Amino acid sequence: MTAGRAGKASAFLIQFIDPSQSLAHLANDRFDLAVVQSPSAEQAAEVLGHLTRVARQGLVALR
């Protein structure tokens, strides 16, 4: 549990998404933290754009 934005305790929301699935359908600021595998060069701009839109903090894991 973490201190929420309004000072109340809250839990991190974790959702696993198939690596081939787009993040386009997710709402803005949907997650506190998102971790994705390193996208291909062709997909990098799209994936990183959605990552910064849907998560308050993001991390790209190189694999």
PDB file of N, CA and C in Angstrom:
ATOM      1  N   MET A   1       0.834  -1.179   0.000  1.00  0.00           N
ATOM      2  CA  MET A   1       0.000   0.000   0.000  1.00  0.00           C
ATOM      3  C   MET A   1       0.886   1.252   0.000  1.00  0.00           C
ATOM      4  N   THR A   2       0.400   2.266  -0.633  1.00  0.00           N
ATOM      5  CA  THR A   2       1.109   3.542  -0.680  1.00  0.00           C
ATOM      6  C   THR A   2       0.152   4.647  -0.273  1.00  0.00           C
ATOM      7  N   ALA A   3       0.711   5.808   0.034  1.00  0.00           N
ATOM      8  CA  ALA A   3      -0.144   6.961   0.314  1.00  0.00           C
ATOM      9  C   ALA A   3      -0.702   7.454  -1.005  1.00  0.00           C
ATOM     10  N   GLY A   4      -1.993   7.530  -1.102  1.00  0.00           N
ATOM     11  CA  GLY A   4      -2.645   7.966  -2.337  1.00  0.00           C
ATOM     12  C   GLY A   4      -2.497   9.452  -2.568  1.00  0.00           C
ATOM     13  N   ARG A   5      -2.967   9.897  -3.712  1.00  0.00           N
ATOM     14  CA  ARG A   5      -2.859  11.302  -4.064  1.00  0.00           C
ATOM     15  C   ARG A   5      -3.663  12.214  -3.142  1.00  0.00           C
ATOM     16  N   ALA A   6      -4.702  11.677  -2.520  1.00  0.00           N
ATOM     17  CA  ALA A   6      -5.533  12.472  -1.613  1.00  0.00           C
ATOM     18  C   ALA A   6      -5.154  12.206  -0.151  1.00  0.00           C
ATOM     19  N   GLY A   7      -3.993  11.597   0.087  1.00  0.00           N
ATOM     20  CA  GLY A   7      -3.549  11.306   1.428  1.00  0.00           C
ATOM     21  C   GLY A   7      -4.115  10.021   2.010  1.00  0.00           C
ATOM     22  N   LYS A   8      -4.907   9.296   1.244  1.00  0.00           N
ATOM     23  CA  LYS A   8      -5.485   8.032   1.693  1.00  0.00           C
ATOM     24  C   LYS A   8      -4.627   6.878   1.195  1.00  0.00           C
ATOM     25  N   ALA A   9      -4.644   5.777   1.934  1.00  0.00           N
ATOM     26  CA  ALA A   9      -3.892   4.595   1.502  1.00  0.00           C
ATOM     27  C   ALA A   9      -4.511   4.036   0.231  1.00  0.00           C
ATOM     28  N   SER A  10      -3.667   3.616  -0.684  1.00  0.00           N
ATOM     29  CA  SER A  10      -4.147   3.006  -1.918  1.00  0.00           C
ATOM     30  C   SER A  10      -3.150   1.952  -2.369  1.00  0.00           C
ATOM     31  N   ALA A  11      -3.607   1.051  -3.208  1.00  0.00           N
ATOM     32  CA  ALA A  11      -2.751  -0.014  -3.732  1.00  0.00           C
ATOM     33  C   ALA A  11      -2.366   0.314  -5.170  1.00  0.00           C
ATOM     34  N   PHE A  12      -1.223  -0.172  -5.584  1.00  0.00           N
ATOM     35  CA  PHE A  12      -0.828  -0.037  -6.976  1.00  0.00           C
ATOM     36  C   PHE A  12      -1.709  -0.928  -7.833  1.00  0.00           C
ATOM     37  N   LEU A  13      -2.118  -0.441  -8.981  1.00  0.00           N
ATOM     38  CA  LEU A  13      -2.891  -1.239  -9.928  1.00  0.00           C
ATOM     39  C   LEU A  13      -1.918  -1.891 -10.899  1.00  0.00           C
ATOM     40  N   ILE A  14      -1.969  -3.189 -10.980  1.00  0.00           N
ATOM     41  CA  ILE A  14      -1.096  -3.943 -11.879  1.00  0.00           C
ATOM     42  C   ILE A  14      -1.965  -4.687 -12.883  1.00  0.00           C
ATOM     43  N   GLN A  15      -1.632  -4.542 -14.146  1.00  0.00           N
ATOM     44  CA  GLN A  15      -2.351  -5.261 -15.194  1.00  0.00           C
ATOM     45  C   GLN A  15      -1.330  -5.777 -16.184  1.00  0.00           C
ATOM     46  N   PHE A  16      -1.425  -7.050 -16.524  1.00  0.00           N
ATOM     47  CA  PHE A  16      -0.527  -7.646 -17.493  1.00  0.00           C
ATOM     48  C   PHE A  16      -1.189  -7.615 -18.859  1.00  0.00           C
ATOM     49  N   ILE A  17      -0.430  -7.216 -19.848  1.00  0.00           N
ATOM     50  CA  ILE A  17      -0.937  -7.120 -21.209  1.00  0.00           C
ATOM     51  C   ILE A  17      -0.004  -7.903 -22.114  1.00  0.00           C
ATOM     52  N   ASP A  18      -0.574  -8.656 -23.021  1.00  0.00           N
ATOM     53  CA  ASP A  18       0.209  -9.404 -23.997  1.00  0.00           C
ATOM     54  C   ASP A  18       1.140  -8.438 -24.723  1.00  0.00           C
ATOM     55  N   PRO A  19       2.421  -8.780 -24.865  1.00  0.00           N
ATOM     56  CA  PRO A  19       3.375  -7.879 -25.521  1.00  0.00           C
ATOM     57  C   PRO A  19       2.965  -7.450 -26.925  1.00  0.00           C
ATOM     58  N   SER A  20       2.149  -8.247 -27.597  1.00  0.00           N
ATOM     59  CA  SER A  20       1.728  -7.883 -28.950  1.00  0.00           C
ATOM     60  C   SER A  20       0.507  -6.960 -28.945  1.00  0.00           C
ATOM     61  N   GLN A  21      -0.096  -6.740 -27.778  1.00  0.00           N
ATOM     62  CA  GLN A  21      -1.296  -5.907 -27.667  1.00  0.00           C
ATOM     63  C   GLN A  21      -0.921  -4.427 -27.556  1.00  0.00           C
ATOM     64  N   SER A  22      -1.661  -3.589 -28.222  1.00  0.00           N
ATOM     65  CA  SER A  22      -1.425  -2.146 -28.191  1.00  0.00           C
ATOM     66  C   SER A  22      -1.912  -1.549 -26.877  1.00  0.00           C
ATOM     67  N   LEU A  23      -1.279  -0.458 -26.456  1.00  0.00           N
ATOM     68  CA  LEU A  23      -1.699   0.274 -25.263  1.00  0.00           C
ATOM     69  C   LEU A  23      -2.715   1.365 -25.610  1.00  0.00           C
ATOM     70  N   ALA A  24      -3.082   1.473 -26.875  1.00  0.00           N
ATOM     71  CA  ALA A  24      -3.942   2.560 -27.345  1.00  0.00           C
ATOM     72  C   ALA A  24      -5.312   2.574 -26.670  1.00  0.00           C
ATOM     73  N   HIS A  25      -5.823   1.408 -26.271  1.00  0.00           N
ATOM     74  CA  HIS A  25      -7.161   1.334 -25.693  1.00  0.00           C
ATOM     75  C   HIS A  25      -7.223   1.744 -24.225  1.00  0.00           C
ATOM     76  N   LEU A  26      -6.080   1.944 -23.588  1.00  0.00           N
ATOM     77  CA  LEU A  26      -6.054   2.285 -22.169  1.00  0.00           C
ATOM     78  C   LEU A  26      -6.247   3.784 -21.952  1.00  0.00           C
ATOM     79  N   ALA A  27      -6.935   4.139 -20.883  1.00  0.00           N
ATOM     80  CA  ALA A  27      -7.213   5.539 -20.563  1.00  0.00           C
ATOM     81  C   ALA A  27      -5.957   6.261 -20.069  1.00  0.00           C
ATOM     82  N   ASN A  28      -5.949   7.557 -20.186  1.00  0.00           N
ATOM     83  CA  ASN A  28      -4.861   8.390 -19.667  1.00  0.00           C
ATOM     84  C   ASN A  28      -4.725   8.188 -18.155  1.00  0.00           C
ATOM     85  N   ASP A  29      -3.491   8.243 -17.661  1.00  0.00           N
ATOM     86  CA  ASP A  29      -3.197   8.122 -16.230  1.00  0.00           C
ATOM     87  C   ASP A  29      -3.875   6.912 -15.594  1.00  0.00           C
ATOM     88  N   ARG A  30      -3.881   5.810 -16.287  1.00  0.00           N
ATOM     89  CA  ARG A  30      -4.549   4.590 -15.832  1.00  0.00           C
ATOM     90  C   ARG A  30      -3.756   3.875 -14.743  1.00  0.00           C
ATOM     91  N   PHE A  31      -2.436   3.979 -14.798  1.00  0.00           N
ATOM     92  CA  PHE A  31      -1.575   3.248 -13.878  1.00  0.00           C
ATOM     93  C   PHE A  31      -0.634   4.194 -13.151  1.00  0.00           C
ATOM     94  N   ASP A  32      -0.199   3.763 -11.953  1.00  0.00           N
ATOM     95  CA  ASP A  32       0.837   4.492 -11.237  1.00  0.00           C
ATOM     96  C   ASP A  32       2.202   4.223 -11.853  1.00  0.00           C
ATOM     97  N   LEU A  33       2.426   2.994 -12.275  1.00  0.00           N
ATOM     98  CA  LEU A  33       3.708   2.583 -12.848  1.00  0.00           C
ATOM     99  C   LEU A  33       3.442   1.547 -13.922  1.00  0.00           C
ATOM    100  N   ALA A  34       4.101   1.681 -15.035  1.00  0.00           N
ATOM    101  CA  ALA A  34       3.986   0.699 -16.112  1.00  0.00           C
ATOM    102  C   ALA A  34       5.381   0.225 -16.489  1.00  0.00           C
ATOM    103  N   VAL A  35       5.502  -1.052 -16.723  1.00  0.00           N
ATOM    104  CA  VAL A  35       6.760  -1.658 -17.152  1.00  0.00           C
ATOM    105  C   VAL A  35       6.476  -2.407 -18.447  1.00  0.00           C
ATOM    106  N   VAL A  36       7.250  -2.107 -19.477  1.00  0.00           N
ATOM    107  CA  VAL A  36       7.082  -2.792 -20.753  1.00  0.00           C
ATOM    108  C   VAL A  36       8.428  -3.318 -21.224  1.00  0.00           C
ATOM    109  N   GLN A  37       8.382  -4.364 -22.018  1.00  0.00           N
ATOM    110  CA  GLN A  37       9.607  -4.846 -22.637  1.00  0.00           C
ATOM    111  C   GLN A  37      10.026  -3.852 -23.708  1.00  0.00           C
ATOM    112  N   SER A  38      11.299  -3.795 -23.948  1.00  0.00           N
ATOM    113  CA  SER A  38      11.825  -2.878 -24.952  1.00  0.00           C
ATOM    114  C   SER A  38      11.167  -3.145 -26.299  1.00  0.00           C
ATOM    115  N   PRO A  39      10.514  -2.140 -26.879  1.00  0.00           N
ATOM    116  CA  PRO A  39       9.851  -2.342 -28.176  1.00  0.00           C
ATOM    117  C   PRO A  39      10.864  -2.385 -29.313  1.00  0.00           C
ATOM    118  N   SER A  40      10.424  -2.905 -30.436  1.00  0.00           N
ATOM    119  CA  SER A  40      11.283  -2.901 -31.621  1.00  0.00           C
ATOM    120  C   SER A  40      11.473  -1.457 -32.072  1.00  0.00           C
ATOM    121  N   ALA A  41      12.455  -1.230 -32.903  1.00  0.00           N
ATOM    122  CA  ALA A  41      12.725   0.117 -33.403  1.00  0.00           C
ATOM    123  C   ALA A  41      11.508   0.699 -34.112  1.00  0.00           C
ATOM    124  N   GLU A  42      10.778  -0.154 -34.827  1.00  0.00           N
ATOM    125  CA  GLU A  42       9.605   0.305 -35.564  1.00  0.00           C
ATOM    126  C   GLU A  42       8.459   0.698 -34.630  1.00  0.00           C
ATOM    127  N   GLN A  43       8.375   0.077 -33.475  1.00  0.00           N
ATOM    128  CA  GLN A  43       7.277   0.314 -32.536  1.00  0.00           C
ATOM    129  C   GLN A  43       7.623   1.294 -31.420  1.00  0.00           C
ATOM    130  N   ALA A  44       8.877   1.683 -31.302  1.00  0.00           N
ATOM    131  CA  ALA A  44       9.338   2.464 -30.152  1.00  0.00           C
ATOM    132  C   ALA A  44       8.564   3.766 -29.948  1.00  0.00           C
ATOM    133  N   ALA A  45       8.403   4.565 -30.966  1.00  0.00           N
ATOM    134  CA  ALA A  45       7.726   5.854 -30.810  1.00  0.00           C
ATOM    135  C   ALA A  45       6.285   5.669 -30.339  1.00  0.00           C
ATOM    136  N   GLU A  46       5.571   4.710 -30.917  1.00  0.00           N
ATOM    137  CA  GLU A  46       4.174   4.474 -30.532  1.00  0.00           C
ATOM    138  C   GLU A  46       4.076   3.954 -29.100  1.00  0.00           C
ATOM    139  N   VAL A  47       4.895   2.948 -28.764  1.00  0.00           N
ATOM    140  CA  VAL A  47       4.839   2.355 -27.425  1.00  0.00           C
ATOM    141  C   VAL A  47       5.219   3.387 -26.366  1.00  0.00           C
ATOM    142  N   LEU A  48       6.282   4.136 -26.566  1.00  0.00           N
ATOM    143  CA  LEU A  48       6.708   5.124 -25.581  1.00  0.00           C
ATOM    144  C   LEU A  48       5.699   6.261 -25.451  1.00  0.00           C
ATOM    145  N   GLY A  49       5.071   6.646 -26.544  1.00  0.00           N
ATOM    146  CA  GLY A  49       4.027   7.663 -26.489  1.00  0.00           C
ATOM    147  C   GLY A  49       2.862   7.216 -25.632  1.00  0.00           C
ATOM    148  N   HIS A  50       2.401   5.980 -25.842  1.00  0.00           N
ATOM    149  CA  HIS A  50       1.304   5.447 -25.034  1.00  0.00           C
ATOM    150  C   HIS A  50       1.742   5.223 -23.589  1.00  0.00           C
ATOM    151  N   LEU A  51       2.971   4.787 -23.383  1.00  0.00           N
ATOM    152  CA  LEU A  51       3.470   4.545 -22.031  1.00  0.00           C
ATOM    153  C   LEU A  51       3.436   5.818 -21.203  1.00  0.00           C
ATOM    154  N   THR A  52       3.889   6.910 -21.760  1.00  0.00           N
ATOM    155  CA  THR A  52       3.880   8.164 -21.014  1.00  0.00           C
ATOM    156  C   THR A  52       2.467   8.708 -20.842  1.00  0.00           C
ATOM    157  N   ARG A  53       1.544   8.314 -21.675  1.00  0.00           N
ATOM    158  CA  ARG A  53       0.160   8.766 -21.572  1.00  0.00           C
ATOM    159  C   ARG A  53      -0.611   7.974 -20.517  1.00  0.00           C
ATOM    160  N   VAL A  54      -0.424   6.660 -20.469  1.00  0.00           N
ATOM    161  CA  VAL A  54      -1.234   5.818 -19.585  1.00  0.00           C
ATOM    162  C   VAL A  54      -0.657   5.661 -18.185  1.00  0.00           C
ATOM    163  N   ALA A  55       0.623   5.953 -17.999  1.00  0.00           N
ATOM    164  CA  ALA A  55       1.247   5.752 -16.690  1.00  0.00           C
ATOM    165  C   ALA A  55       1.812   7.046 -16.142  1.00  0.00           C
ATOM    166  N   ARG A  56       1.664   7.221 -14.853  1.00  0.00           N
ATOM    167  CA  ARG A  56       2.237   8.386 -14.195  1.00  0.00           C
ATOM    168  C   ARG A  56       3.761   8.266 -14.141  1.00  0.00           C
ATOM    169  N   GLN A  57       4.249   7.026 -14.096  1.00  0.00           N
ATOM    170  CA  GLN A  57       5.674   6.736 -14.157  1.00  0.00           C
ATOM    171  C   GLN A  57       5.824   5.531 -15.085  1.00  0.00           C
ATOM    172  N   GLY A  58       6.894   5.496 -15.833  1.00  0.00           N
ATOM    173  CA  GLY A  58       7.077   4.376 -16.749  1.00  0.00           C
ATOM    174  C   GLY A  58       8.485   3.849 -16.704  1.00  0.00           C
ATOM    175  N   LEU A  59       8.640   2.609 -17.064  1.00  0.00           N
ATOM    176  CA  LEU A  59       9.936   1.956 -17.110  1.00  0.00           C
ATOM    177  C   LEU A  59       9.934   1.017 -18.300  1.00  0.00           C
ATOM    178  N   VAL A  60      10.961   1.090 -19.105  1.00  0.00           N
ATOM    179  CA  VAL A  60      11.117   0.171 -20.221  1.00  0.00           C
ATOM    180  C   VAL A  60      12.187  -0.837 -19.822  1.00  0.00           C
ATOM    181  N   ALA A  61      11.829  -2.093 -19.777  1.00  0.00           N
ATOM    182  CA  ALA A  61      12.767  -3.151 -19.417  1.00  0.00           C
ATOM    183  C   ALA A  61      13.398  -3.706 -20.692  1.00  0.00           C
ATOM    184  N   LEU A  62      14.698  -3.668 -20.767  1.00  0.00           N
ATOM    185  CA  LEU A  62      15.387  -4.200 -21.937  1.00  0.00           C
ATOM    186  C   LEU A  62      15.507  -5.708 -21.794  1.00  0.00           C
ATOM    187  N   ARG A  63      15.117  -6.430 -22.845  1.00  0.00           N
ATOM    188  CA  ARG A  63      15.192  -7.890 -22.810  1.00  0.00           C
ATOM    189  C   ARG A  63      15.751  -8.392 -24.100  1.00  0.00           C
TER     190      ARG A  63
END
